[in-house]
Protein backbone atom coordinates (compact mmCIF):
# COMPACT_ATOMS: atom_id res chain seq x y z
CA UNK A 1 21.19 4.46 -20.00
CA UNK A 2 18.13 6.65 -19.69
CA UNK A 3 18.61 10.39 -19.45
CA UNK A 4 18.02 11.64 -15.95
CA UNK A 5 16.90 15.24 -16.13
CA UNK A 6 15.50 17.53 -13.48
CA UNK A 7 11.89 17.14 -14.50
CA UNK A 8 9.67 19.30 -12.33
CA UNK A 9 6.03 18.67 -11.63
CA UNK A 10 3.69 21.66 -11.76
CA UNK A 11 0.46 22.76 -10.16
CA UNK A 12 -1.29 21.79 -13.40
CA UNK A 13 0.14 18.28 -13.06
CA UNK A 14 -1.33 18.03 -9.56
CA UNK A 15 -4.73 19.13 -10.85
CA UNK A 16 -4.58 16.54 -13.66
CA UNK A 17 -3.71 13.81 -11.17
CA UNK A 18 -6.68 14.72 -8.98
CA UNK A 19 -8.97 14.71 -12.01
CA UNK A 20 -7.81 11.16 -12.73
CA UNK A 21 -7.63 10.14 -9.07
CA UNK A 22 -7.82 6.36 -8.75
CA UNK A 23 -8.39 6.03 -5.01
CA UNK A 24 -9.57 8.02 -2.01
CA UNK A 25 -8.72 6.41 1.31
CA UNK A 26 -10.63 7.65 4.34
CA UNK A 27 -9.32 7.11 7.86
CA UNK A 28 -12.80 6.83 9.28
CA UNK A 29 -11.56 6.41 12.86
CA UNK A 30 -8.33 6.10 14.80
CA UNK A 31 -10.12 3.92 17.37
CA UNK A 32 -9.57 0.16 17.28
CA UNK A 33 -11.04 -2.81 19.11
CA UNK A 34 -7.63 -4.53 19.01
CA UNK A 35 -4.25 -3.52 20.36
CA UNK A 36 -1.75 -5.28 18.10
CA UNK A 37 1.80 -5.18 19.38
CA UNK A 38 3.31 -4.29 16.01
CA UNK A 39 0.61 -1.87 14.82
CA UNK A 40 1.98 1.04 12.79
CA UNK A 41 0.06 3.32 15.18
CA UNK A 42 1.25 1.46 18.28
CA UNK A 43 4.04 1.70 20.82
CA UNK A 44 6.85 0.56 18.50
CA UNK A 45 6.51 3.49 16.11
CA UNK A 46 6.47 7.26 15.90
CA UNK A 47 5.43 9.56 13.05
CA UNK A 48 1.66 9.57 13.33
CA UNK A 49 -0.88 11.82 15.01
CA UNK A 50 -1.75 10.86 18.58
CA UNK A 51 -4.53 8.25 18.66
CA UNK A 52 -7.48 9.79 20.50
CA UNK A 53 -10.37 7.49 19.57
CA UNK A 54 -11.68 10.03 17.10
CA UNK A 55 -14.32 9.42 14.44
CA UNK A 56 -14.23 11.14 11.07
CA UNK A 57 -17.37 13.20 10.48
CA UNK A 58 -19.58 12.83 7.44
CA UNK A 59 -19.42 16.62 6.96
CA UNK A 60 -15.63 16.36 6.45
CA UNK A 61 -16.00 13.52 3.96
CA UNK A 62 -18.80 15.30 2.10
CA UNK A 63 -16.68 18.47 1.85
CA UNK A 64 -13.86 16.51 0.21
CA UNK A 65 -16.15 14.56 -2.13
CA UNK A 66 -17.96 17.73 -3.21
CA UNK A 67 -14.64 19.48 -3.85
CA UNK A 68 -13.37 16.61 -6.01
CA UNK A 69 -16.72 16.24 -7.77
CA UNK A 70 -16.62 19.85 -8.93
CA UNK A 71 -13.11 19.28 -10.20
CA UNK A 72 -14.17 16.10 -12.01
CA UNK A 73 -17.12 17.88 -13.64
CA UNK A 74 -15.08 20.85 -14.78
CA UNK A 75 -12.22 18.98 -16.42
CA UNK A 76 -11.90 16.08 -18.82
CA UNK A 77 -10.16 12.95 -17.53
CA UNK A 78 -7.95 10.68 -19.61
CA UNK A 79 -10.58 7.89 -19.38
CA UNK A 80 -14.02 8.14 -20.91
CA UNK A 81 -15.58 6.89 -17.67
CA UNK A 82 -12.88 6.93 -14.98
CA UNK A 83 -13.02 4.63 -11.97
CA UNK A 84 -12.24 5.68 -8.41
CA UNK A 85 -11.97 3.34 -5.46
CA UNK A 86 -13.25 4.60 -2.11
CA UNK A 87 -11.24 2.98 0.66
CA UNK A 88 -12.20 2.81 4.34
CA UNK A 89 -9.31 2.60 6.75
CA UNK A 90 -8.63 2.81 10.49
CA UNK A 91 -8.11 2.02 13.30
CA UNK A 92 -10.85 -0.48 12.67
CA UNK A 93 -13.17 1.10 10.07
CA UNK A 94 -16.22 -0.98 10.99
CA UNK A 95 -16.30 0.85 14.33
CA UNK A 96 -17.58 3.84 12.33
CA UNK A 97 -20.11 1.96 10.19
CA UNK A 98 -22.54 4.87 10.38
CA UNK A 99 -20.13 7.09 8.45
CA UNK A 100 -19.35 4.33 5.98
CA UNK A 101 -23.03 3.80 5.16
CA UNK A 102 -23.69 7.53 4.76
CA UNK A 103 -20.63 7.93 2.54
CA UNK A 104 -21.60 5.02 0.30
CA UNK A 105 -25.14 6.35 -0.04
CA UNK A 106 -23.90 9.85 -0.86
CA UNK A 107 -21.45 8.64 -3.49
CA UNK A 108 -24.05 6.37 -5.11
CA UNK A 109 -26.31 9.39 -5.56
CA UNK A 110 -23.70 11.69 -7.07
CA UNK A 111 -24.74 13.05 -10.43
CA UNK A 112 -21.40 12.47 -12.07
CA UNK A 113 -20.01 10.39 -14.92
CA UNK A 114 -17.66 8.22 -12.90
CA UNK A 115 -17.57 4.64 -11.65
CA UNK A 116 -16.94 3.97 -7.97
CA UNK A 117 -15.96 0.83 -6.09
CA UNK A 118 -15.59 0.33 -2.35
CA UNK A 119 -12.68 -1.29 -0.53
CA UNK A 120 -11.85 -1.87 3.13
CA UNK A 121 -9.08 -3.22 5.32
CA UNK A 122 -10.57 -4.85 8.41
CA UNK A 123 -9.56 -7.00 11.36
CA UNK A 124 -12.92 -8.82 10.96
CA UNK A 125 -13.87 -8.52 14.65
CA UNK A 126 -17.22 -6.93 13.69
CA UNK A 127 -17.65 -8.71 10.39
CA UNK A 128 -20.61 -10.80 11.57
CA UNK A 129 -22.64 -7.65 12.31
CA UNK A 130 -22.09 -5.86 9.01
CA UNK A 131 -21.36 -8.50 6.38
CA UNK A 132 -24.80 -8.18 4.76
CA UNK A 133 -24.16 -4.54 3.97
CA UNK A 134 -20.60 -5.19 2.73
CA UNK A 135 -21.81 -7.95 0.44
CA UNK A 136 -24.72 -5.86 -0.87
CA UNK A 137 -22.33 -3.04 -1.83
CA UNK A 138 -19.72 -5.48 -3.20
CA UNK A 139 -16.92 -4.22 -0.99
CA UNK A 140 -13.48 -5.64 -1.76
CA UNK A 141 -12.26 -6.76 1.66
CA UNK A 142 -8.68 -7.16 2.82
CA UNK A 143 -8.83 -9.15 6.04
CA UNK A 144 -5.93 -8.99 8.49
CA UNK A 145 -5.16 -12.47 9.79
CA UNK A 146 -1.72 -13.77 10.78
CA UNK A 147 -2.52 -17.44 10.39
CA UNK A 148 -3.41 -19.87 13.16
CA UNK A 149 -4.05 -19.06 16.81
CA UNK A 150 -0.37 -18.72 17.71
CA UNK A 151 0.31 -16.60 14.65
CA UNK A 152 -2.61 -14.34 15.58
CA UNK A 153 -1.47 -14.00 19.20
CA UNK A 154 -0.06 -10.47 18.74
CA UNK A 155 -3.49 -9.32 17.55
CA UNK A 156 -5.15 -9.01 20.96
CA UNK A 157 -8.03 -7.00 22.36
CA UNK A 158 -7.53 -4.33 25.02
CA UNK A 159 -7.71 -6.99 27.72
CA UNK A 160 -4.87 -8.92 26.08
CA UNK A 161 -7.05 -11.73 24.72
CA UNK A 162 -6.15 -13.33 21.40
CA UNK A 163 -8.59 -12.30 18.67
CA UNK A 164 -8.22 -15.54 16.69
CA UNK A 165 -11.41 -17.33 17.74
CA UNK A 166 -13.68 -14.37 16.93
CA UNK A 167 -11.95 -13.53 13.64
CA UNK A 168 -11.86 -17.15 12.48
CA UNK A 169 -15.55 -17.64 13.31
CA UNK A 170 -16.59 -14.43 11.53
CA UNK A 171 -14.57 -15.14 8.40
CA UNK A 172 -15.89 -18.70 8.22
CA UNK A 173 -19.43 -17.35 8.58
CA UNK A 174 -18.89 -14.97 5.65
CA UNK A 175 -17.41 -17.77 3.56
CA UNK A 176 -20.33 -20.11 4.29
CA UNK A 177 -23.08 -17.53 3.86
CA UNK A 178 -21.73 -15.79 0.75
CA UNK A 179 -19.36 -18.23 -1.02
CA UNK A 180 -19.32 -16.47 -4.39
CA UNK A 181 -18.75 -13.06 -2.83
CA UNK A 182 -16.00 -14.55 -0.66
CA UNK A 183 -14.26 -16.04 -3.68
CA UNK A 184 -14.44 -12.85 -5.75
CA UNK A 185 -14.05 -10.04 -3.21
CA UNK A 186 -12.05 -11.24 -0.19
CA UNK A 187 -8.28 -11.31 0.24
CA UNK A 188 -5.98 -11.76 3.23
CA UNK A 189 -3.03 -9.84 4.55
CA UNK A 190 -0.69 -11.41 7.12
CA UNK A 191 2.13 -9.90 9.12
CA UNK A 192 5.22 -12.04 9.60
CA UNK A 193 6.76 -12.08 13.08
CA UNK A 194 8.56 -14.34 15.55
CA UNK A 195 5.41 -16.33 16.44
CA UNK A 196 4.54 -17.49 12.93
CA UNK A 197 6.31 -18.40 9.68
CA UNK A 198 5.75 -18.01 5.97
CA UNK A 199 4.97 -21.70 5.53
CA UNK A 200 2.58 -22.03 8.47
CA UNK A 201 0.71 -18.82 7.69
CA UNK A 202 0.41 -19.43 3.96
CA UNK A 203 -0.65 -23.07 4.44
CA UNK A 204 -3.22 -22.27 7.11
CA UNK A 205 -5.01 -19.57 5.12
CA UNK A 206 -4.87 -21.57 1.91
CA UNK A 207 -6.27 -24.73 3.55
CA UNK A 208 -8.93 -22.95 5.61
CA UNK A 209 -10.13 -20.31 3.13
CA UNK A 210 -8.74 -21.34 -0.29
CA UNK A 211 -6.87 -18.03 -0.50
CA UNK A 212 -3.21 -17.09 -0.95
CA UNK A 213 -2.37 -14.36 1.57
CA UNK A 214 -0.04 -11.45 1.07
CA UNK A 215 2.64 -11.89 3.72
CA UNK A 216 4.52 -8.79 4.81
CA UNK A 217 7.45 -8.20 7.14
CA UNK A 218 7.17 -5.72 9.98
CA UNK A 219 7.63 -2.13 8.84
CA UNK A 220 11.19 -1.09 9.69
CA UNK A 221 10.68 2.66 9.22
CA UNK A 222 9.83 5.02 12.05
CA UNK A 223 10.77 2.72 14.92
CA UNK A 224 11.16 4.53 18.23
CA UNK A 225 14.75 4.49 19.46
CA UNK A 226 13.75 3.04 22.81
CA UNK A 227 11.87 0.20 21.04
CA UNK A 228 14.55 -0.99 18.59
CA UNK A 229 15.50 -4.07 20.61
CA UNK A 230 11.85 -5.00 21.07
CA UNK A 231 11.22 -4.54 17.35
CA UNK A 232 14.02 -6.89 16.31
CA UNK A 233 12.95 -9.46 18.90
CA UNK A 234 9.56 -9.51 17.14
CA UNK A 235 10.88 -9.25 13.55
CA UNK A 236 11.07 -12.25 11.22
CA UNK A 237 12.83 -12.12 7.84
CA UNK A 238 10.54 -13.30 5.05
CA UNK A 239 13.21 -14.85 2.83
CA UNK A 240 14.85 -16.73 5.71
CA UNK A 241 11.50 -17.96 6.94
CA UNK A 242 10.57 -19.19 3.47
CA UNK A 243 13.85 -20.95 2.73
CA UNK A 244 13.88 -22.69 6.10
CA UNK A 245 10.51 -24.30 5.39
CA UNK A 246 10.23 -28.03 4.70
CA UNK A 247 8.46 -27.51 1.37
CA UNK A 248 10.40 -24.50 0.14
CA UNK A 249 10.27 -25.21 -3.60
CA UNK A 250 6.58 -26.04 -3.67
CA UNK A 251 5.74 -23.06 -1.47
CA UNK A 252 7.87 -20.73 -3.61
CA UNK A 253 6.03 -21.89 -6.72
CA UNK A 254 2.65 -21.21 -5.12
CA UNK A 255 3.66 -17.81 -3.75
CA UNK A 256 5.28 -16.81 -7.08
CA UNK A 257 5.94 -13.04 -7.03
CA UNK A 258 5.26 -13.11 -3.30
CA UNK A 259 8.73 -14.63 -2.90
CA UNK A 260 11.16 -11.73 -2.20
CA UNK A 261 13.83 -12.96 -4.64
CA UNK A 262 11.25 -13.58 -7.38
CA UNK A 263 9.77 -10.13 -6.84
CA UNK A 264 13.27 -8.65 -7.15
CA UNK A 265 13.88 -10.66 -10.35
CA UNK A 266 10.53 -9.48 -11.72
CA UNK A 267 11.61 -5.83 -11.33
CA UNK A 268 15.05 -6.54 -12.78
CA UNK A 269 13.62 -8.17 -15.91
CA UNK A 270 11.06 -5.42 -16.32
CA UNK A 271 13.53 -2.54 -16.19
CA UNK A 272 16.86 -3.99 -17.30
CA UNK A 273 16.32 -6.98 -19.59
CA UNK A 274 15.14 -4.97 -22.62
CA UNK A 275 12.50 -7.62 -23.24
CA UNK A 276 9.53 -5.93 -21.58
CA UNK A 277 7.45 -3.17 -23.16
CA UNK A 278 4.95 -1.20 -21.11
CA UNK A 279 2.86 -0.42 -24.20
CA UNK A 280 3.13 -0.43 -27.98
CA UNK A 281 4.64 3.06 -28.01
CA UNK A 282 7.79 1.60 -26.46
CA UNK A 283 8.36 -0.33 -29.70
CA UNK A 284 8.57 2.90 -31.70
CA UNK A 285 11.44 4.70 -29.98
CA UNK A 286 14.64 4.10 -28.06
CA UNK A 287 13.79 3.64 -24.37
CA UNK A 288 17.35 4.57 -23.42
CA UNK A 289 16.57 8.17 -24.41
CA UNK A 290 13.55 8.50 -22.15
CA UNK A 291 13.63 11.20 -19.51
CA UNK A 292 12.28 10.41 -16.08
CA UNK A 293 11.79 11.80 -12.59
CA UNK A 294 14.29 10.69 -9.95
CA UNK A 295 13.47 8.44 -6.95
CA UNK A 296 10.71 5.87 -6.70
CA UNK A 297 8.33 8.27 -4.99
CA UNK A 298 4.84 8.51 -6.43
CA UNK A 299 3.85 11.94 -7.66
CA UNK A 300 1.25 13.46 -5.32
CA UNK A 301 -2.18 11.83 -5.95
CA UNK A 302 -0.92 9.71 -8.83
CA UNK A 303 -2.13 6.65 -6.91
CA UNK A 304 -4.36 7.86 -4.11
CA UNK A 305 -5.40 10.58 -1.71
CA UNK A 306 -5.46 9.81 2.01
CA UNK A 307 -7.70 11.79 4.37
CA UNK A 308 -6.82 11.32 8.05
CA UNK A 309 -9.30 11.34 10.91
CA UNK A 310 -7.95 14.81 11.75
CA UNK A 311 -8.73 16.13 8.26
CA UNK A 312 -5.16 16.08 6.93
CA UNK A 313 -4.65 15.37 3.23
CA UNK A 314 -1.64 13.11 2.57
CA UNK A 315 -0.45 11.19 -0.48
CA UNK A 316 -0.63 7.81 1.21
CA UNK A 317 -1.48 6.16 4.52
CA UNK A 318 2.11 4.92 4.85
CA UNK A 319 3.57 8.41 5.00
CA UNK A 320 4.47 10.34 8.16
CA UNK A 321 1.59 12.68 9.06
CA UNK A 322 3.95 15.66 9.13
CA UNK A 323 4.05 15.47 5.33
CA UNK A 324 0.44 16.58 4.98
CA UNK A 325 -0.18 18.53 1.77
CA UNK A 326 -3.40 20.22 2.81
CA UNK A 327 -6.47 19.69 4.97
CA UNK A 328 -10.24 19.77 5.22
CA UNK A 329 -11.35 22.24 7.84
CA UNK A 330 -14.45 24.32 8.59
CA UNK A 331 -16.29 23.09 5.51
CA UNK A 332 -13.43 23.90 3.14
CA UNK A 333 -10.68 21.97 1.35
CA UNK A 334 -7.35 23.74 1.68
CA UNK A 335 -5.14 22.39 -1.08
CA UNK A 336 -2.73 24.64 -2.99
CA UNK A 337 -1.61 22.82 -6.15
CA UNK A 338 1.47 25.02 -6.62
CA UNK A 339 2.53 24.49 -3.01
CA UNK A 340 2.16 20.70 -3.37
CA UNK A 341 4.28 20.70 -6.54
CA UNK A 342 6.92 23.01 -5.11
CA UNK A 343 7.32 20.95 -1.95
CA UNK A 344 7.61 17.71 -3.94
CA UNK A 345 10.20 19.25 -6.27
CA UNK A 346 12.23 20.50 -3.31
CA UNK A 347 12.67 16.95 -2.03
CA UNK A 348 13.67 15.77 -5.51
CA UNK A 349 16.30 18.52 -5.65
CA UNK A 350 17.83 17.37 -2.38
CA UNK A 351 18.40 13.89 -3.78
CA UNK A 352 19.27 14.77 -7.37
CA UNK A 353 23.06 14.51 -7.07
CA UNK A 354 22.82 11.13 -5.36
CA UNK A 355 20.35 9.89 -7.95
CA UNK A 356 22.58 11.10 -10.76
CA UNK A 357 25.39 8.75 -9.73
CA UNK A 358 23.18 5.84 -8.62
CA UNK A 359 23.47 2.77 -10.85
CA UNK A 360 19.93 1.70 -10.08
CA UNK A 361 18.28 5.00 -10.96
CA UNK A 362 16.45 3.48 -13.92
CA UNK A 363 14.33 1.57 -11.42
CA UNK A 364 14.20 3.05 -7.92
CA UNK A 365 11.87 1.66 -5.28
CA UNK A 366 12.78 4.21 -2.61
CA UNK A 367 10.06 6.54 -1.38
CA UNK A 368 11.80 9.69 -0.23
CA UNK A 369 9.27 10.22 2.55
CA UNK A 370 10.82 7.23 4.35
CA UNK A 371 14.41 8.48 4.07
CA UNK A 372 15.69 9.50 7.54
CA UNK A 373 16.45 13.21 7.67
CA UNK A 374 14.66 14.03 4.40
CA UNK A 375 13.77 17.43 5.86
CA UNK A 376 17.45 18.13 6.54
CA UNK A 377 19.87 19.76 4.12
CA UNK A 378 21.71 16.61 3.00
CA UNK A 379 19.61 13.46 3.42
CA UNK A 380 21.20 10.15 2.44
CA UNK A 381 19.18 7.71 0.37
CA UNK A 382 18.88 4.23 1.85
CA UNK A 383 18.76 2.57 -1.57
CA UNK A 384 21.73 4.24 -3.28
CA UNK A 385 23.77 1.79 -5.37
CA UNK A 386 27.31 2.31 -6.64
CA UNK A 387 28.65 0.16 -9.46
CA UNK A 388 29.71 -2.68 -7.17
CA UNK A 389 26.35 -2.69 -5.39
CA UNK A 390 24.51 -2.82 -8.70
CA UNK A 391 26.63 -5.70 -10.00
CA UNK A 392 25.89 -7.60 -6.81
CA UNK A 393 22.17 -6.87 -7.26
CA UNK A 394 22.31 -8.03 -10.89
CA UNK A 395 24.14 -11.25 -10.03
CA UNK A 396 21.69 -11.95 -7.21
CA UNK A 397 18.79 -11.72 -9.68
CA UNK A 398 20.53 -13.82 -12.35
CA UNK A 399 21.58 -16.46 -9.83
CA UNK A 400 17.96 -16.77 -8.70
CA UNK A 401 16.89 -17.18 -12.33
CA UNK A 402 19.66 -19.73 -12.90
CA UNK A 403 18.42 -21.70 -9.90
CA UNK A 404 14.79 -21.53 -11.09
CA UNK A 405 15.00 -21.22 -14.93
CA UNK A 406 11.27 -21.85 -15.42
CA UNK A 407 10.58 -18.53 -13.69
CA UNK A 408 11.44 -16.57 -16.83
CA UNK A 409 8.58 -17.95 -18.88
CA UNK A 410 6.19 -17.80 -15.94
CA UNK A 411 7.02 -14.16 -15.21
CA UNK A 412 6.72 -13.18 -18.86
CA UNK A 413 3.43 -14.95 -19.47
CA UNK A 414 1.72 -14.39 -16.13
CA UNK A 415 3.17 -11.57 -14.03
CA UNK A 416 3.75 -9.09 -16.84
CA UNK A 417 0.28 -9.59 -18.28
CA UNK A 418 -1.64 -8.84 -15.07
């Protein structure tokens, strides 16, 4: 068993993570041309700043980019030429195309030794207007589409009209006009709910666009108390939907790690089988003696930095806006590295005793920002496992492998090498 020690992050760690920052996500607007029933910023949820149809200013973006650029120039990163993705997020980001174009132009003209790539999540309602620009700049697009017309019926405009016809037409236009770009740079994300299914959604997008969508359940964190019944009336369990399909085995094979049980097995084999090595260094020492930080929470800026339309700096777009670590205001970035580290460590301390006795602590997938009452004195982790819970988890994984024995080789040769 690995040694769980109270490892603290420091202000210097935060600085190093920013120097090696892999992604900046900009909430370019909180306005949207759709009003999806299950939107994370909609009526079902709390925990985000009030949506006021705001547009992020270029001055705010430039202030952040200039601040990070100075940091990148002054310190040496771990990569010879690091790569940073610039993500555009909303609302619907294409509603603020003016900012997007100015930001891309500014970044392309930075005098800095760094590679940049552009990514965007879009509902595709305005894709026909701006696809030439997106293709020219080689944006990686994640298109939100819940399958066929019925599956898309929760994604409506402000008059309540289904967005399917417009989205389908625009995506087909992009596919026909720029087939190579479409193949290399476009992916799909689908939300599972009570009006679609895993099989219907996956099959539709595969047949229409030759793509395998990522299918996600509705987010169950931050639901308003007065909307719980409405949430569960809309919710659809991914595993149940998959296993009730007529072509379950074939579909499971195509979805691969997208199958919940296979994804769980993947993590189990990676962290508990003893047969997976992250790098060659793991062959030289006993992994059981490694020390590690508790919880599955990413260290601040280890994956990305999220800038909200209100200028708040947060670790990730999935996190409650009250957990902002700094802001951009009046032409200045306010970000205290020591404060960020101290606040992060304080949350780790609150959970340490629970983590110490958790049988799944070697691999935790629980982000502490989504634990109810994390700001209280004694928050309770949702993912805590005692010995019996862990044995049940282990048997669940092994039973899935026993049912699909060919998965072991496929996971080892394909999933672990990506």
